[in-house]
Amino acid sequence: MSDEPESEIIHRQIDTDQPEPATEVAEIVADIEGKDSTEISNLWECTDEVLQHLFSNPPNAEAQMQVEFSYESYRITVEQDGTTEFIKTE
């Protein structure tokens, strides 16, 4: 049995119709950390246009597409329906 505490998993829902979902993800991270969004790095550099493509022309629901990436000490998973999971890595 490990003595390390389990990571806290935070779930949020992002708006899949928003033109810049990366901005919403960055704002959620800033909120979780208690920071202003100007105090954290630019998420665009981590995800480029990947999140926009995930929502711009979503595949069939059975495809269950998701994007997973690291940003600001979080492992973030974004599902094609906007369900987002944040796991602190440090």
C-alpha atoms as a PDB file:
ATOM      1  CA  MET A   1       0.000   0.000   0.000  1.00  0.00           C
ATOM      2  CA  SER A   2       1.357   3.428  -0.927  1.00  0.00           C
ATOM      3  CA  ASP A   3       1.811   6.217   1.629  1.00  0.00           C
ATOM      4  CA  GLU A   4       1.291   8.867  -1.052  1.00  0.00           C
ATOM      5  CA  PRO A   5      -2.136  10.549  -1.087  1.00  0.00           C
ATOM      6  CA  GLU A   6      -4.250  10.056  -4.187  1.00  0.00           C
ATOM      7  CA  SER A   7      -4.393  12.984  -6.580  1.00  0.00           C
ATOM      8  CA  GLU A   8      -7.501  15.103  -6.467  1.00  0.00           C
ATOM      9  CA  ILE A   9      -9.497  14.880  -9.672  1.00  0.00           C
ATOM     10  CA  ILE A  10     -11.482  17.963 -10.640  1.00  0.00           C
ATOM     11  CA  HIS A  11     -14.251  17.689 -13.219  1.00  0.00           C
ATOM     12  CA  ARG A  12     -15.631  20.626 -15.200  1.00  0.00           C
ATOM     13  CA  GLN A  13     -17.782  21.028 -18.300  1.00  0.00           C
ATOM     14  CA  ILE A  14     -16.606  23.378 -21.040  1.00  0.00           C
ATOM     15  CA  ASP A  15     -18.756  24.940 -23.739  1.00  0.00           C
ATOM     16  CA  THR A  16     -18.158  23.006 -26.967  1.00  0.00           C
ATOM     17  CA  ASP A  17     -19.728  25.822 -29.022  1.00  0.00           C
ATOM     18  CA  GLN A  18     -17.186  28.392 -27.832  1.00  0.00           C
ATOM     19  CA  PRO A  19     -14.766  29.443 -30.612  1.00  0.00           C
ATOM     20  CA  GLU A  20     -11.686  29.164 -28.327  1.00  0.00           C
ATOM     21  CA  PRO A  21     -12.055  26.246 -25.885  1.00  0.00           C
ATOM     22  CA  ALA A  22      -8.376  26.502 -24.881  1.00  0.00           C
ATOM     23  CA  THR A  23      -9.152  29.875 -23.299  1.00  0.00           C
ATOM     24  CA  GLU A  24     -11.868  28.312 -21.157  1.00  0.00           C
ATOM     25  CA  VAL A  25      -9.538  25.489 -20.063  1.00  0.00           C
ATOM     26  CA  ALA A  26      -6.845  28.031 -19.104  1.00  0.00           C
ATOM     27  CA  GLU A  27      -9.397  30.062 -17.130  1.00  0.00           C
ATOM     28  CA  ILE A  28     -10.456  26.923 -15.230  1.00  0.00           C
ATOM     29  CA  VAL A  29      -6.824  26.157 -14.317  1.00  0.00           C
ATOM     30  CA  ALA A  30      -6.335  29.749 -13.150  1.00  0.00           C
ATOM     31  CA  ASP A  31      -9.517  29.484 -11.054  1.00  0.00           C
ATOM     32  CA  ILE A  32      -8.414  26.174  -9.494  1.00  0.00           C
ATOM     33  CA  GLU A  33      -5.034  27.709  -8.628  1.00  0.00           C
ATOM     34  CA  GLY A  34      -6.577  30.946  -7.330  1.00  0.00           C
ATOM     35  CA  LYS A  35      -4.716  33.000  -9.930  1.00  0.00           C
ATOM     36  CA  ASP A  36      -5.655  35.518 -12.576  1.00  0.00           C
ATOM     37  CA  SER A  37      -5.552  34.017 -16.074  1.00  0.00           C
ATOM     38  CA  THR A  38      -2.771  36.488 -16.957  1.00  0.00           C
ATOM     39  CA  GLU A  39      -0.530  34.823 -14.332  1.00  0.00           C
ATOM     40  CA  ILE A  40      -0.350  31.457 -16.108  1.00  0.00           C
ATOM     41  CA  SER A  41       1.269  30.390 -19.371  1.00  0.00           C
ATOM     42  CA  ASN A  42      -0.489  30.499 -22.714  1.00  0.00           C
ATOM     43  CA  LEU A  43      -2.367  27.244 -23.305  1.00  0.00           C
ATOM     44  CA  TRP A  44      -2.308  27.804 -27.070  1.00  0.00           C
ATOM     45  CA  GLU A  45       1.393  26.842 -27.025  1.00  0.00           C
ATOM     46  CA  CYS A  46       0.477  23.440 -25.491  1.00  0.00           C
ATOM     47  CA  THR A  47      -2.545  22.507 -27.579  1.00  0.00           C
ATOM     48  CA  ASP A  48      -2.281  24.603 -30.743  1.00  0.00           C
ATOM     49  CA  GLU A  49      -5.626  24.163 -32.537  1.00  0.00           C
ATOM     50  CA  VAL A  50      -6.280  20.618 -31.309  1.00  0.00           C
ATOM     51  CA  LEU A  51      -9.137  21.548 -28.957  1.00  0.00           C
ATOM     52  CA  GLN A  52     -10.829  23.643 -31.634  1.00  0.00           C
ATOM     53  CA  HIS A  53     -10.716  20.692 -34.028  1.00  0.00           C
ATOM     54  CA  LEU A  54     -12.108  18.349 -31.379  1.00  0.00           C
ATOM     55  CA  PHE A  55     -15.282  20.445 -31.213  1.00  0.00           C
ATOM     56  CA  SER A  56     -15.463  22.086 -34.667  1.00  0.00           C
ATOM     57  CA  ASN A  57     -16.565  18.969 -36.492  1.00  0.00           C
ATOM     58  CA  PRO A  58     -17.097  16.296 -33.857  1.00  0.00           C
ATOM     59  CA  PRO A  59     -16.983  12.669 -34.911  1.00  0.00           C
ATOM     60  CA  ASN A  60     -19.806  10.267 -34.273  1.00  0.00           C
ATOM     61  CA  ALA A  61     -20.606   9.977 -30.542  1.00  0.00           C
ATOM     62  CA  GLU A  62     -19.531   6.335 -30.576  1.00  0.00           C
ATOM     63  CA  ALA A  63     -15.991   7.439 -31.476  1.00  0.00           C
ATOM     64  CA  GLN A  64     -15.497   8.761 -27.924  1.00  0.00           C
ATOM     65  CA  MET A  65     -12.709  11.160 -28.940  1.00  0.00           C
ATOM     66  CA  GLN A  66     -10.584  12.823 -26.274  1.00  0.00           C
ATOM     67  CA  VAL A  67      -7.475  14.976 -26.017  1.00  0.00           C
ATOM     68  CA  GLU A  68      -5.028  14.587 -23.137  1.00  0.00           C
ATOM     69  CA  PHE A  69      -2.175  16.985 -22.368  1.00  0.00           C
ATOM     70  CA  SER A  70      -0.118  18.520 -19.549  1.00  0.00           C
ATOM     71  CA  TYR A  71      -0.450  22.181 -18.613  1.00  0.00           C
ATOM     72  CA  GLU A  72       0.532  24.185 -15.516  1.00  0.00           C
ATOM     73  CA  SER A  73       1.189  21.069 -13.382  1.00  0.00           C
ATOM     74  CA  TYR A  74      -2.088  19.409 -14.404  1.00  0.00           C
ATOM     75  CA  ARG A  75      -2.813  16.394 -16.573  1.00  0.00           C
ATOM     76  CA  ILE A  76      -5.922  17.483 -18.487  1.00  0.00           C
ATOM     77  CA  THR A  77      -8.316  15.287 -20.422  1.00  0.00           C
ATOM     78  CA  VAL A  78     -10.961  16.888 -22.644  1.00  0.00           C
ATOM     79  CA  GLU A  79     -13.739  14.707 -24.069  1.00  0.00           C
ATOM     80  CA  GLN A  80     -15.575  15.578 -27.303  1.00  0.00           C
ATOM     81  CA  ASP A  81     -18.721  16.388 -25.258  1.00  0.00           C
ATOM     82  CA  GLY A  82     -16.835  19.047 -23.245  1.00  0.00           C
ATOM     83  CA  THR A  83     -16.335  16.947 -20.116  1.00  0.00           C
ATOM     84  CA  THR A  84     -12.938  17.932 -18.739  1.00  0.00           C
ATOM     85  CA  GLU A  85     -10.800  16.330 -16.028  1.00  0.00           C
ATOM     86  CA  PHE A  86      -7.926  18.055 -14.223  1.00  0.00           C
ATOM     87  CA  ILE A  87      -5.410  16.024 -12.182  1.00  0.00           C
ATOM     88  CA  LYS A  88      -2.655  17.853 -10.277  1.00  0.00           C
ATOM     89  CA  THR A  89       0.696  16.262 -11.150  1.00  0.00           C
ATOM     90  CA  GLU A  90       3.021  18.124  -8.776  1.00  0.00           C
END
